[in-house]
Amino acid sequence: MIKLAQIINSEKALKNLLELKLPVKIAYKLSKLVDKMQPELKIFDEQKLSLVKKLGVATENPGEFQVLPKNMEEFREDLKKLLDIDVNLEFGEGKGLEKISLADLGDISISPQDLLVLNWLIQE
């Protein structure tokens, strides 16, 4: 299990990784993982918007909302609870989350920042 925050924080790094030339098996696995993450990302966006609407007001821009300053603390607390939710993201040949080794990625260049946010997925 991983935290919803890890999925949210990893989205850009995974997309960056998928833009690189990877061994076909790893590219396939990562593509499947990104597909499995999409429903979680969608639900997160919906819940976050719901919180903003509940604790905020509509702005001048249609469909846009802003949290009221007096409700900011409650918004932060609720958002933290949302990001702390455990997500069962099965990935790999067995059940659970199968990590990818750096060796499996081949000779690629990955930024330290991307590697840091993907530490739940990539091992030495």
C-alpha atoms as a PDB file:
ATOM      1  CA  MET A   1       0.000   0.000   0.000  1.00  0.00           C
ATOM      2  CA  ILE A   2       1.033   3.527  -0.663  1.00  0.00           C
ATOM      3  CA  LYS A   3      -0.374   6.872   0.359  1.00  0.00           C
ATOM      4  CA  LEU A   4      -2.523   8.877  -2.015  1.00  0.00           C
ATOM      5  CA  ALA A   5       0.017  11.704  -1.624  1.00  0.00           C
ATOM      6  CA  GLN A   6       2.703   9.478  -3.170  1.00  0.00           C
ATOM      7  CA  ILE A   7       0.525   8.888  -6.224  1.00  0.00           C
ATOM      8  CA  ILE A   8      -0.242  12.592  -6.592  1.00  0.00           C
ATOM      9  CA  ASN A   9       3.427  13.559  -6.187  1.00  0.00           C
ATOM     10  CA  SER A  10       4.595  10.856  -8.623  1.00  0.00           C
ATOM     11  CA  GLU A  11       2.351  11.656 -11.561  1.00  0.00           C
ATOM     12  CA  LYS A  12       4.721  14.082 -13.318  1.00  0.00           C
ATOM     13  CA  ALA A  13       7.825  11.995 -12.577  1.00  0.00           C
ATOM     14  CA  LEU A  14       6.199   8.864 -14.043  1.00  0.00           C
ATOM     15  CA  LYS A  15       5.185  10.761 -17.164  1.00  0.00           C
ATOM     16  CA  ASN A  16       8.768  12.035 -17.472  1.00  0.00           C
ATOM     17  CA  LEU A  17      10.023   8.470 -17.138  1.00  0.00           C
ATOM     18  CA  LEU A  18       7.638   7.214 -19.813  1.00  0.00           C
ATOM     19  CA  GLU A  19       9.010   9.773 -22.258  1.00  0.00           C
ATOM     20  CA  LEU A  20      12.440   8.094 -22.086  1.00  0.00           C
ATOM     21  CA  LYS A  21      13.542   5.113 -24.129  1.00  0.00           C
ATOM     22  CA  LEU A  22      13.048   2.220 -21.725  1.00  0.00           C
ATOM     23  CA  PRO A  23      13.325  -1.515 -22.097  1.00  0.00           C
ATOM     24  CA  VAL A  24      10.019  -2.716 -23.553  1.00  0.00           C
ATOM     25  CA  LYS A  25       9.010  -4.770 -20.486  1.00  0.00           C
ATOM     26  CA  ILE A  26       9.585  -1.830 -18.127  1.00  0.00           C
ATOM     27  CA  ALA A  27       7.789   0.602 -20.460  1.00  0.00           C
ATOM     28  CA  TYR A  28       4.815  -1.761 -20.523  1.00  0.00           C
ATOM     29  CA  LYS A  29       4.740  -2.143 -16.734  1.00  0.00           C
ATOM     30  CA  LEU A  30       5.000   1.602 -16.154  1.00  0.00           C
ATOM     31  CA  SER A  31       2.254   2.298 -18.699  1.00  0.00           C
ATOM     32  CA  LYS A  32      -0.032  -0.123 -16.874  1.00  0.00           C
ATOM     33  CA  LEU A  33       0.826   1.513 -13.554  1.00  0.00           C
ATOM     34  CA  VAL A  34      -0.016   4.980 -14.874  1.00  0.00           C
ATOM     35  CA  ASP A  35      -3.346   3.605 -16.155  1.00  0.00           C
ATOM     36  CA  LYS A  36      -4.102   2.161 -12.700  1.00  0.00           C
ATOM     37  CA  MET A  37      -3.275   5.514 -11.103  1.00  0.00           C
ATOM     38  CA  GLN A  38      -5.727   7.493 -13.253  1.00  0.00           C
ATOM     39  CA  PRO A  39      -8.900   6.591 -11.288  1.00  0.00           C
ATOM     40  CA  GLU A  40      -7.171   7.554  -8.021  1.00  0.00           C
ATOM     41  CA  LEU A  41      -6.078  10.887  -9.503  1.00  0.00           C
ATOM     42  CA  LYS A  42      -9.599  11.564 -10.785  1.00  0.00           C
ATOM     43  CA  ILE A  43     -11.197  10.812  -7.424  1.00  0.00           C
ATOM     44  CA  PHE A  44      -8.625  13.000  -5.666  1.00  0.00           C
ATOM     45  CA  ASP A  45      -9.363  15.925  -7.999  1.00  0.00           C
ATOM     46  CA  GLU A  46     -13.113  15.501  -7.445  1.00  0.00           C
ATOM     47  CA  GLN A  47     -12.737  15.371  -3.649  1.00  0.00           C
ATOM     48  CA  LYS A  48     -10.386  18.339  -3.576  1.00  0.00           C
ATOM     49  CA  LEU A  49     -12.800  20.381  -5.686  1.00  0.00           C
ATOM     50  CA  SER A  50     -15.629  19.372  -3.376  1.00  0.00           C
ATOM     51  CA  LEU A  51     -13.624  20.637  -0.386  1.00  0.00           C
ATOM     52  CA  VAL A  52     -12.859  23.915  -2.130  1.00  0.00           C
ATOM     53  CA  LYS A  53     -16.541  24.415  -2.981  1.00  0.00           C
ATOM     54  CA  LYS A  54     -17.603  23.534   0.567  1.00  0.00           C
ATOM     55  CA  LEU A  55     -15.119  25.886   2.219  1.00  0.00           C
ATOM     56  CA  GLY A  56     -14.941  28.577  -0.416  1.00  0.00           C
ATOM     57  CA  VAL A  57     -16.770  30.814  -2.802  1.00  0.00           C
ATOM     58  CA  ALA A  58     -17.027  31.090  -6.566  1.00  0.00           C
ATOM     59  CA  THR A  59     -14.608  33.536  -8.165  1.00  0.00           C
ATOM     60  CA  GLU A  60     -15.308  35.843 -11.080  1.00  0.00           C
ATOM     61  CA  ASN A  61     -14.084  33.103 -13.428  1.00  0.00           C
ATOM     62  CA  PRO A  62     -16.846  30.606 -14.264  1.00  0.00           C
ATOM     63  CA  GLY A  63     -16.362  27.213 -12.595  1.00  0.00           C
ATOM     64  CA  GLU A  64     -13.517  28.470 -10.395  1.00  0.00           C
ATOM     65  CA  PHE A  65     -13.637  28.528  -6.604  1.00  0.00           C
ATOM     66  CA  GLN A  66     -11.385  29.882  -3.871  1.00  0.00           C
ATOM     67  CA  VAL A  67     -11.162  28.788  -0.244  1.00  0.00           C
ATOM     68  CA  LEU A  68     -12.135  31.543   2.149  1.00  0.00           C
ATOM     69  CA  PRO A  69      -9.254  32.687   4.388  1.00  0.00           C
ATOM     70  CA  LYS A  70     -11.271  31.884   7.508  1.00  0.00           C
ATOM     71  CA  ASN A  71     -11.665  28.270   6.278  1.00  0.00           C
ATOM     72  CA  MET A  72      -8.064  27.739   5.155  1.00  0.00           C
ATOM     73  CA  GLU A  73      -7.016  25.805   8.279  1.00  0.00           C
ATOM     74  CA  GLU A  74      -9.958  23.389   7.941  1.00  0.00           C
ATOM     75  CA  PHE A  75      -9.181  22.988   4.213  1.00  0.00           C
ATOM     76  CA  ARG A  76      -5.545  22.132   4.959  1.00  0.00           C
ATOM     77  CA  GLU A  77      -6.546  19.608   7.633  1.00  0.00           C
ATOM     78  CA  ASP A  78      -9.102  17.908   5.367  1.00  0.00           C
ATOM     79  CA  LEU A  79      -6.680  17.887   2.434  1.00  0.00           C
ATOM     80  CA  LYS A  80      -4.001  16.323   4.636  1.00  0.00           C
ATOM     81  CA  LYS A  81      -6.470  13.583   5.668  1.00  0.00           C
ATOM     82  CA  LEU A  82      -7.307  12.976   2.029  1.00  0.00           C
ATOM     83  CA  LEU A  83      -3.644  12.707   1.009  1.00  0.00           C
ATOM     84  CA  ASP A  84      -2.969  10.325   3.901  1.00  0.00           C
ATOM     85  CA  ILE A  85      -5.400   7.687   2.581  1.00  0.00           C
ATOM     86  CA  ASP A  86      -3.835   4.288   1.899  1.00  0.00           C
ATOM     87  CA  VAL A  87      -4.246   3.109  -1.688  1.00  0.00           C
ATOM     88  CA  ASN A  88      -3.904  -0.508  -2.746  1.00  0.00           C
ATOM     89  CA  LEU A  89      -2.117  -0.142  -6.066  1.00  0.00           C
ATOM     90  CA  GLU A  90      -1.321  -3.645  -7.284  1.00  0.00           C
ATOM     91  CA  PHE A  91       1.452  -3.600  -9.829  1.00  0.00           C
ATOM     92  CA  GLY A  92       3.615  -6.400 -11.116  1.00  0.00           C
ATOM     93  CA  GLU A  93       3.386 -10.121 -11.533  1.00  0.00           C
ATOM     94  CA  GLY A  94       2.427 -10.926  -7.952  1.00  0.00           C
ATOM     95  CA  LYS A  95       0.006  -9.221  -5.651  1.00  0.00           C
ATOM     96  CA  GLY A  96       0.982  -5.938  -4.119  1.00  0.00           C
ATOM     97  CA  LEU A  97       3.466  -3.452  -5.458  1.00  0.00           C
ATOM     98  CA  GLU A  98       6.457  -4.799  -7.355  1.00  0.00           C
ATOM     99  CA  LYS A  99       9.386  -2.402  -7.271  1.00  0.00           C
ATOM    100  CA  ILE A 100      11.550  -1.736 -10.316  1.00  0.00           C
ATOM    101  CA  SER A 101      15.302  -1.859  -9.945  1.00  0.00           C
ATOM    102  CA  LEU A 102      17.577   0.827 -11.338  1.00  0.00           C
ATOM    103  CA  ALA A 103      19.301  -1.893 -13.356  1.00  0.00           C
ATOM    104  CA  ASP A 104      15.967  -2.796 -15.016  1.00  0.00           C
ATOM    105  CA  LEU A 105      15.598   0.789 -16.209  1.00  0.00           C
ATOM    106  CA  GLY A 106      18.770   0.472 -18.259  1.00  0.00           C
ATOM    107  CA  ASP A 107      21.079   3.337 -19.115  1.00  0.00           C
ATOM    108  CA  ILE A 108      18.756   6.311 -18.643  1.00  0.00           C
ATOM    109  CA  SER A 109      19.105   9.736 -17.136  1.00  0.00           C
ATOM    110  CA  ILE A 110      16.571  10.561 -14.456  1.00  0.00           C
ATOM    111  CA  SER A 111      16.540  13.712 -12.369  1.00  0.00           C
ATOM    112  CA  PRO A 112      17.274  13.399  -8.655  1.00  0.00           C
ATOM    113  CA  GLN A 113      13.907  15.039  -7.955  1.00  0.00           C
ATOM    114  CA  ASP A 114      12.019  12.418 -10.018  1.00  0.00           C
ATOM    115  CA  LEU A 115      13.997   9.637  -8.398  1.00  0.00           C
ATOM    116  CA  LEU A 116      13.144  10.998  -4.961  1.00  0.00           C
ATOM    117  CA  VAL A 117       9.376  11.064  -5.547  1.00  0.00           C
ATOM    118  CA  LEU A 118       9.511   7.588  -7.114  1.00  0.00           C
ATOM    119  CA  ASN A 119      11.365   6.010  -4.177  1.00  0.00           C
ATOM    120  CA  TRP A 120       8.249   3.922  -3.419  1.00  0.00           C
ATOM    121  CA  LEU A 121       8.600   2.323  -6.864  1.00  0.00           C
ATOM    122  CA  ILE A 122      12.304   2.283  -7.751  1.00  0.00           C
ATOM    123  CA  GLN A 123      14.958   0.463  -5.770  1.00  0.00           C
ATOM    124  CA  GLU A 124      18.709   0.157  -6.181  1.00  0.00           C
END
